[in-house]
Amino acid sequence: MSFDKEKALKMCNDYCRNTLMDTLEIVYTDAAEGFLEATMPVNSRVHQPMGLLHGGATVALAESVGSAASLLFVNPEIQEVRGIEIAANHLRSKRDGVVTARARIVHQGRSIHLWEIKITDEQERLISLCKITNMVLPRKRKIE
């Protein structure tokens, strides 16, 4: 079965309506087998009091991309994904513009997925390096 990039991006973007991802204006922009990418604008909505990109907003972006990436590897009708650990190293500050998060699969087991997420600026400078571990579980209720 071949990977359908447009279908994957539509699913990720549609799935996030009226959620934190919508509030933070996270948009899924690129995907292929083994990676998923999204962008988030950096403005006062995601600043900490010193006018810089808030680490929590950065982690929310990383978790959003890493969790959605795991969804691309499971059957969402019968399985669901839960983030069980996330770690972030913030390496550079950012005041405005756009950041891009790219999640790449490190380990894809039947019940555990490990992703590395690199968050970069417009010049592809590394802002944060994150990793997330997701657990794949049987779905207990139907998707509404």
Protein backbone atom coordinates (compact mmCIF):
# COMPACT_ATOMS: atom_id res chain seq x y z
CA MET A 1 0.00 0.00 0.00
CA SER A 2 1.48 3.38 -0.99
CA PHE A 3 1.56 6.43 1.26
CA ASP A 4 -1.00 9.11 0.34
CA LYS A 5 0.53 12.43 1.44
CA GLU A 6 -2.55 14.57 0.74
CA LYS A 7 -4.86 12.17 2.59
CA ALA A 8 -2.48 12.07 5.58
CA LEU A 9 -2.21 15.87 5.79
CA LYS A 10 -5.97 16.30 5.45
CA MET A 11 -6.59 13.74 8.21
CA CYS A 12 -4.11 15.45 10.56
CA ASN A 13 -5.43 18.96 9.91
CA ASP A 14 -9.11 17.91 10.09
CA TYR A 15 -8.55 15.91 13.27
CA CYS A 16 -7.20 19.01 15.04
CA ARG A 17 -10.09 21.40 14.50
CA ASN A 18 -11.28 23.06 17.74
CA THR A 19 -8.30 21.75 19.73
CA LEU A 20 -5.09 23.19 21.16
CA MET A 21 -3.46 22.71 17.76
CA ASP A 22 -6.10 24.97 16.22
CA THR A 23 -5.59 27.55 18.99
CA LEU A 24 -1.81 27.56 18.39
CA GLU A 25 -2.38 27.72 14.60
CA ILE A 26 -0.43 24.51 14.01
CA VAL A 27 -0.77 23.35 10.40
CA TYR A 28 0.49 20.02 9.07
CA THR A 29 2.40 20.80 5.88
CA ASP A 30 4.40 17.78 4.71
CA ALA A 31 4.46 14.03 5.22
CA ALA A 32 5.93 10.82 3.86
CA GLU A 33 6.59 7.36 5.19
CA GLY A 34 8.64 7.92 8.36
CA PHE A 35 8.11 11.65 8.89
CA LEU A 36 5.51 14.35 9.49
CA GLU A 37 5.99 18.11 9.43
CA ALA A 38 3.97 21.05 10.78
CA THR A 39 4.40 24.79 11.22
CA MET A 40 3.40 27.20 13.97
CA PRO A 41 3.55 31.01 13.86
CA VAL A 42 5.61 32.71 16.55
CA ASN A 43 3.75 35.76 17.83
CA SER A 44 2.37 37.13 21.11
CA ARG A 45 -0.05 34.18 21.38
CA VAL A 46 2.87 31.79 22.01
CA HIS A 47 5.27 34.17 23.82
CA GLN A 48 6.42 33.95 27.40
CA PRO A 49 6.55 37.26 29.35
CA MET A 50 9.98 38.21 27.93
CA GLY A 51 8.57 38.20 24.38
CA LEU A 52 10.19 34.92 23.33
CA LEU A 53 8.69 31.67 22.09
CA HIS A 54 7.40 29.85 25.18
CA GLY A 55 9.00 26.46 25.81
CA GLY A 56 5.56 25.03 26.56
CA ALA A 57 4.26 26.12 23.16
CA THR A 58 7.32 24.51 21.57
CA VAL A 59 6.66 21.26 23.43
CA ALA A 60 2.97 21.42 22.45
CA LEU A 61 4.06 21.68 18.81
CA ALA A 62 6.48 18.76 19.22
CA GLU A 63 3.88 16.58 20.92
CA SER A 64 1.25 17.47 18.34
CA VAL A 65 3.51 16.44 15.46
CA GLY A 66 4.89 13.32 17.16
CA SER A 67 1.47 12.07 18.23
CA ALA A 68 -0.11 12.75 14.84
CA ALA A 69 2.80 10.98 13.16
CA SER A 70 2.07 7.83 15.16
CA LEU A 71 -1.56 8.02 14.00
CA LEU A 72 -0.30 7.59 10.44
CA PHE A 73 1.07 4.15 11.39
CA VAL A 74 -2.05 2.77 13.07
CA ASN A 75 -5.65 2.07 12.13
CA PRO A 76 -7.49 4.89 13.97
CA GLU A 77 -10.76 2.95 13.75
CA ILE A 78 -9.42 0.30 16.15
CA GLN A 79 -6.32 1.89 17.72
CA GLU A 80 -5.43 5.13 19.46
CA VAL A 81 -2.18 6.79 20.44
CA ARG A 82 -1.12 8.20 23.82
CA GLY A 83 2.05 10.15 24.47
CA ILE A 84 3.74 8.65 27.52
CA GLU A 85 6.97 10.68 27.64
CA ILE A 86 8.27 13.84 26.02
CA ALA A 87 11.61 15.58 26.44
CA ALA A 88 12.81 18.86 24.98
CA ASN A 89 16.07 20.74 24.78
CA HIS A 90 15.58 24.39 23.86
CA LEU A 91 18.70 25.59 22.04
CA ARG A 92 17.83 28.95 20.51
CA SER A 93 15.23 31.63 21.23
CA LYS A 94 12.78 33.07 18.73
CA ARG A 95 10.64 36.23 18.86
CA ASP A 96 8.62 36.13 15.64
CA GLY A 97 8.17 34.36 12.34
CA VAL A 98 7.42 30.67 11.93
CA VAL A 99 8.85 27.48 13.37
CA THR A 100 8.70 24.11 11.66
CA ALA A 101 8.59 20.80 13.49
CA ARG A 102 9.67 17.64 11.69
CA ALA A 103 9.07 14.31 13.42
CA ARG A 104 11.15 11.35 12.23
CA ILE A 105 10.54 7.80 13.39
CA VAL A 106 13.34 6.30 15.49
CA HIS A 107 11.55 3.10 16.56
CA GLN A 108 8.26 1.68 15.35
CA GLY A 109 7.14 -1.26 17.44
CA ARG A 110 3.68 -2.76 17.71
CA SER A 111 2.89 -0.93 20.94
CA ILE A 112 5.62 1.74 21.27
CA HIS A 113 6.73 4.43 18.82
CA LEU A 114 9.74 6.69 19.44
CA TRP A 115 10.02 9.94 17.47
CA GLU A 116 12.70 12.62 17.23
CA ILE A 117 11.29 16.09 16.55
CA LYS A 118 13.52 18.89 15.32
CA ILE A 119 12.04 22.37 15.54
CA THR A 120 13.72 24.87 13.24
CA ASP A 121 13.34 28.48 12.14
CA GLU A 122 13.03 29.83 8.60
CA GLN A 123 16.81 29.50 8.08
CA GLU A 124 16.66 25.86 9.28
CA ARG A 125 18.53 26.72 12.48
CA LEU A 126 17.70 24.32 15.30
CA ILE A 127 15.42 25.93 17.92
CA SER A 128 14.58 22.80 19.94
CA LEU A 129 15.35 19.10 19.81
CA CYS A 130 12.63 16.89 21.26
CA LYS A 131 11.73 13.24 21.53
CA ILE A 132 8.39 11.65 22.27
CA THR A 133 7.43 8.10 23.16
CA ASN A 134 3.91 7.07 22.17
CA MET A 135 1.97 4.01 23.23
CA VAL A 136 -0.44 2.37 20.78
CA LEU A 137 -3.61 1.14 22.50
CA PRO A 138 -6.80 -0.58 21.37
CA ARG A 139 -9.57 2.00 20.83
CA LYS A 140 -12.17 1.82 23.60
CA ARG A 141 -14.79 4.07 21.99
CA LYS A 142 -15.84 5.03 18.51
CA ILE A 143 -14.55 8.14 16.78
CA GLU A 144 -17.26 10.82 16.78
